Protein backbone atom coordinates (compact mmCIF):
# COMPACT_ATOMS: atom_id res chain seq x y z
CA UNK A 1 -6.11 -15.86 11.53
CA UNK A 2 -4.27 -12.95 12.98
CA UNK A 3 -4.84 -11.72 16.49
CA UNK A 4 -3.63 -8.16 17.54
CA UNK A 5 -2.77 -7.69 20.94
CA UNK A 6 -2.99 -3.93 22.15
CA UNK A 7 -1.84 -3.27 25.86
CA UNK A 8 -3.82 -0.40 27.32
CA UNK A 9 -3.53 1.50 30.54
CA UNK A 10 -6.02 4.41 30.83
CA UNK A 11 -6.41 4.70 27.09
CA UNK A 12 -10.04 5.55 26.78
CA UNK A 13 -9.20 8.76 24.85
CA UNK A 14 -6.73 7.29 22.30
CA UNK A 15 -7.90 3.70 21.93
CA UNK A 16 -11.34 4.42 20.09
CA UNK A 17 -9.63 6.15 17.17
CA UNK A 18 -6.91 3.50 16.98
CA UNK A 19 -9.59 0.73 16.88
CA UNK A 20 -11.61 2.56 14.36
CA UNK A 21 -8.78 3.05 11.96
CA UNK A 22 -7.74 -0.58 12.48
CA UNK A 23 -11.29 -1.71 11.52
CA UNK A 24 -11.05 0.34 8.37
CA UNK A 25 -7.87 -1.04 7.50
CA UNK A 26 -8.64 -4.60 8.15
CA UNK A 27 -11.73 -4.33 6.13
CA UNK A 28 -9.94 -2.85 3.16
CA UNK A 29 -7.28 -5.64 3.26
CA UNK A 30 -9.52 -8.50 4.13
CA UNK A 31 -8.49 -10.42 1.02
CA UNK A 32 -4.97 -10.49 2.27
CA UNK A 33 -5.43 -10.61 6.00
CA UNK A 34 -8.39 -12.81 6.28
CA UNK A 35 -10.00 -13.10 9.91
CA UNK A 36 -8.54 -10.68 12.34
CA UNK A 37 -9.37 -10.39 16.11
CA UNK A 38 -8.07 -7.67 18.57
CA UNK A 39 -7.11 -8.49 22.10
CA UNK A 40 -7.24 -5.23 24.19
CA UNK A 41 -5.41 -5.94 27.50
CA UNK A 42 -6.81 -3.71 30.19
CA UNK A 43 -3.84 -3.12 32.50
CA UNK A 44 -5.57 -2.28 35.70
CA UNK A 45 -6.87 1.02 34.14
CA UNK A 46 -8.80 3.40 36.34
CA UNK A 47 -10.89 4.98 33.35
CA UNK A 48 -13.31 3.57 30.79
CA UNK A 49 -10.68 1.66 28.72
CA UNK A 50 -12.35 -1.76 29.07
CA UNK A 51 -15.77 -0.12 28.16
CA UNK A 52 -14.68 1.71 25.09
CA UNK A 53 -12.93 -1.32 24.07
CA UNK A 54 -15.97 -3.59 24.23
CA UNK A 55 -18.04 -0.89 22.48
CA UNK A 56 -15.71 -1.24 19.42
CA UNK A 57 -16.47 -5.02 19.18
CA UNK A 58 -18.09 -5.59 15.66
CA UNK A 59 -18.40 -8.49 13.04
CA UNK A 60 -15.97 -6.42 10.85
CA UNK A 61 -13.43 -6.56 13.70
CA UNK A 62 -14.03 -8.63 16.83
CA UNK A 63 -12.53 -6.97 20.03
CA UNK A 64 -12.03 -9.03 23.22
CA UNK A 65 -10.83 -7.46 26.54
CA UNK A 66 -8.33 -9.37 28.55
CA UNK A 67 -7.70 -8.24 32.11
CA UNK A 68 -4.15 -7.98 33.55
CA UNK A 69 -4.13 -6.84 37.14
CA UNK A 70 -0.32 -6.61 37.25
CA UNK A 71 0.66 -3.12 36.29
CA UNK A 72 3.27 -2.60 33.52
CA UNK A 73 3.44 -2.77 29.56
CA UNK A 74 5.46 -5.96 29.78
CA UNK A 75 2.98 -7.63 32.02
CA UNK A 76 0.04 -6.60 29.72
CA UNK A 77 1.77 -7.74 26.47
CA UNK A 78 2.75 -10.98 28.12
CA UNK A 79 -0.86 -11.55 29.21
CA UNK A 80 -2.20 -10.65 25.78
CA UNK A 81 0.17 -12.98 23.89
CA UNK A 82 -0.53 -15.98 26.30
CA UNK A 83 -4.23 -15.30 25.69
CA UNK A 84 -3.90 -15.83 21.87
CA UNK A 85 -4.44 -19.14 20.01
CA UNK A 86 -3.77 -17.89 16.47
CA UNK A 87 -1.19 -18.91 14.05
CA UNK A 88 -0.11 -15.32 13.53
CA UNK A 89 -0.09 -12.68 16.42
CA UNK A 90 0.93 -9.02 16.71
CA UNK A 91 1.15 -6.44 19.29
CA UNK A 92 0.84 -2.69 18.74
CA UNK A 93 0.44 0.35 20.81
CA UNK A 94 -2.94 1.71 21.84
CA UNK A 95 -2.05 5.08 20.32
CA UNK A 96 -1.62 3.90 16.75
CA UNK A 97 1.56 5.50 16.29
CA UNK A 98 2.82 2.97 13.71
CA UNK A 99 1.23 3.25 10.31
CA UNK A 100 -0.97 0.18 9.72
CA UNK A 101 0.64 -0.66 6.29
CA UNK A 102 3.35 -2.42 8.38
CA UNK A 103 0.66 -5.21 8.97
CA UNK A 104 0.80 -6.33 5.38
CA UNK A 105 4.57 -5.90 4.97
CA UNK A 106 5.02 -7.91 8.23
CA UNK A 107 2.73 -10.58 6.91
CA UNK A 108 4.79 -10.80 3.58
CA UNK A 109 7.99 -11.43 5.53
CA UNK A 110 6.41 -14.08 7.64
CA UNK A 111 5.18 -15.87 4.43
CA UNK A 112 8.69 -15.78 3.24
CA UNK A 113 10.05 -17.36 6.33
CA UNK A 114 10.42 -15.01 9.15
CA UNK A 115 9.43 -16.01 12.52
CA UNK A 116 9.30 -12.58 14.00
CA UNK A 117 9.06 -9.19 12.19
CA UNK A 118 9.53 -5.91 14.10
CA UNK A 119 8.93 -2.40 13.12
CA UNK A 120 12.05 -0.11 13.13
CA UNK A 121 12.07 3.60 13.04
CA UNK A 122 15.93 3.37 12.62
CA UNK A 123 15.97 1.87 9.06
CA UNK A 124 16.31 3.60 5.86
CA UNK A 125 12.88 4.18 4.45
CA UNK A 126 11.21 4.77 7.82
CA UNK A 127 9.34 8.01 8.29
CA UNK A 128 9.07 9.48 11.94
CA UNK A 129 7.56 12.50 13.36
CA UNK A 130 8.50 13.02 16.94
CA UNK A 131 8.45 15.91 19.33
CA UNK A 132 10.80 14.80 21.85
CA UNK A 133 12.78 17.29 23.92
CA UNK A 134 16.64 17.17 23.98
CA UNK A 135 16.70 15.41 27.31
CA UNK A 136 14.47 12.76 26.23
CA UNK A 137 16.43 12.21 23.00
CA UNK A 138 19.73 11.89 24.81
CA UNK A 139 18.14 9.40 27.11
CA UNK A 140 16.65 7.32 24.26
CA UNK A 141 20.05 7.41 22.50
CA UNK A 142 21.84 6.07 25.55
CA UNK A 143 19.21 3.43 26.07
CA UNK A 144 19.49 2.32 22.52
CA UNK A 145 23.20 1.66 23.03
CA UNK A 146 22.71 -0.38 26.08
CA UNK A 147 19.93 -2.42 24.36
CA UNK A 148 22.06 -2.96 21.31
CA UNK A 149 24.56 -4.71 23.62
CA UNK A 150 21.82 -7.22 24.66
CA UNK A 151 20.47 -7.58 21.17
CA UNK A 152 23.20 -6.88 18.73
CA UNK A 153 22.06 -5.94 15.23
CA UNK A 154 18.68 -4.84 16.10
CA UNK A 155 18.33 -1.16 15.31
CA UNK A 156 15.26 -0.42 17.18
CA UNK A 157 14.06 -2.56 19.96
CA UNK A 158 11.29 -0.40 21.37
CA UNK A 159 8.93 0.32 18.44
CA UNK A 160 5.44 -0.78 19.65
CA UNK A 161 4.77 -3.02 16.63
CA UNK A 162 5.77 -6.61 16.41
CA UNK A 163 4.35 -9.59 14.46
CA UNK A 164 5.14 -13.22 15.37
CA UNK A 165 4.25 -16.73 14.53
CA UNK A 166 1.94 -17.64 17.27
CA UNK A 167 3.75 -20.73 18.65
CA UNK A 168 6.98 -18.63 18.82
CA UNK A 169 5.36 -15.79 20.49
CA UNK A 170 3.67 -17.71 23.14
CA UNK A 171 6.87 -19.80 23.89
CA UNK A 172 8.93 -16.60 24.46
CA UNK A 173 6.01 -14.92 26.38
CA UNK A 174 5.84 -17.74 28.92
CA UNK A 175 9.38 -17.05 29.89
CA UNK A 176 9.06 -13.29 29.79
CA UNK A 177 9.76 -11.73 33.27
CA UNK A 178 10.21 -7.96 32.62
CA UNK A 179 6.88 -6.26 33.48
CA UNK A 180 7.83 -2.60 32.47
CA UNK A 181 8.73 -0.73 29.37
CA UNK A 182 12.04 -2.70 28.73
CA UNK A 183 10.11 -5.91 28.10
CA UNK A 184 10.79 -5.67 24.30
CA UNK A 185 14.46 -6.33 24.95
CA UNK A 186 14.04 -9.36 27.19
CA UNK A 187 11.50 -10.76 24.51
CA UNK A 188 13.94 -10.43 21.70
CA UNK A 189 16.77 -11.93 23.72
CA UNK A 190 14.47 -14.97 24.32
CA UNK A 191 13.38 -15.21 20.92
CA UNK A 192 16.97 -14.92 19.48
CA UNK A 193 18.02 -17.75 21.87
CA UNK A 194 15.40 -20.00 20.46
CA UNK A 195 17.00 -19.58 16.86
CA UNK A 196 13.84 -17.49 15.77
CA UNK A 197 14.44 -15.60 12.53
CA UNK A 198 13.85 -11.90 13.31
CA UNK A 199 13.45 -9.38 10.69
CA UNK A 200 13.21 -5.42 10.81
CA UNK A 201 11.21 -3.53 8.47
CA UNK A 202 10.88 0.33 8.09
CA UNK A 203 7.74 1.91 9.26
CA UNK A 204 5.86 5.17 9.32
CA UNK A 205 5.72 6.50 12.89
CA UNK A 206 3.91 9.55 14.38
CA UNK A 207 4.51 10.55 17.99
CA UNK A 208 0.95 10.69 19.45
CA UNK A 209 0.42 12.97 22.42
CA UNK A 210 -0.67 11.22 25.73
CA UNK A 211 1.90 8.60 26.23
CA UNK A 212 2.03 7.07 29.61
CA UNK A 213 5.91 6.80 29.49
CA UNK A 214 7.24 9.83 31.43
CA UNK A 215 11.13 9.89 31.22
CA UNK A 216 11.41 11.57 34.75
CA UNK A 217 9.15 8.82 36.24
CA UNK A 218 10.08 5.81 34.23
CA UNK A 219 13.48 6.43 32.64
CA UNK A 220 15.63 5.15 35.67
CA UNK A 221 13.42 2.14 36.03
CA UNK A 222 13.82 1.20 32.37
CA UNK A 223 17.63 1.37 32.59
CA UNK A 224 17.41 -0.74 35.86
CA UNK A 225 15.31 -3.31 33.95
CA UNK A 226 17.96 -3.56 31.29
CA UNK A 227 20.58 -4.46 33.85
CA UNK A 228 18.19 -7.18 35.34
CA UNK A 229 17.53 -8.55 31.89
CA UNK A 230 21.42 -8.79 31.32
CA UNK A 231 21.66 -10.71 34.61
CA UNK A 232 18.48 -12.82 34.05
CA UNK A 233 19.49 -13.89 30.53
CA UNK A 234 23.32 -14.01 30.94
CA UNK A 235 23.38 -17.74 29.92
CA UNK A 236 21.20 -17.28 26.90
CA UNK A 237 24.02 -15.80 24.65
CA UNK A 238 26.21 -19.02 24.85
CA UNK A 239 27.12 -20.38 21.45
CA UNK A 240 24.41 -22.81 20.18
CA UNK A 241 25.12 -26.50 20.14
CA UNK A 242 25.92 -28.36 16.77
CA UNK A 243 22.64 -28.84 15.01
CA UNK A 244 21.01 -25.93 16.57
CA UNK A 245 18.90 -23.45 14.30
CA UNK A 246 20.95 -21.03 12.28
CA UNK A 247 21.65 -17.65 13.81
CA UNK A 248 19.06 -14.81 13.43
CA UNK A 249 19.06 -13.00 10.11
CA UNK A 250 18.26 -9.38 10.10
CA UNK A 251 16.89 -7.33 7.16
CA UNK A 252 18.26 -3.82 6.97
CA UNK A 253 20.93 -4.05 9.65
CA UNK A 254 24.56 -3.66 8.81
């Protein structure tokens, strides 16, 4: 069974389309994916996010709403991952920006031995359509450089598509403390510290209007979170003891 976590804060407009496309995709690939369930995490929304999520529930794609009163994407993803019980779990953004073909590709990598598969817009073979202004692009480049110091070799920590072995995801989520947009970095740091094999895959990604991330409002907080992650996880990058799992192998990173 595969459970897909979708964090959602005031997503009543974008979420229905994402769930419709996901239902069609899952139905078309049922022979590969088997049973799939969606957990929409209502992150203290003030609109009809929870209502539209429940309305999308169907036999073809069961949809369950998980409430998370603590505001922040990291808090929502943590709550969603901890509410799962499947062997394989995924989280994806409510805007459906990442092409759904990534699900089968990630599945294949997990079957071949990966513990974590993350979508990467930075790998050769990725297709991205973005409408970012120059200021946002410069800020993103600076963020990537700093995140790369915490998770060396990972080309894109922030793509909103990641698939895990369920037990690995829940173990890391229990220790996750970052509530905001930089949670991906802490999650990857903690996964790497456990010896999890992390692989990146190229994706098709389209910038969908309506993002709740506003650089002028959230940018400084995201950088501050990176500093806190570096302090919080400072002991996790020590050399592994003899007999510990092999270092993480990355696909497509050089």
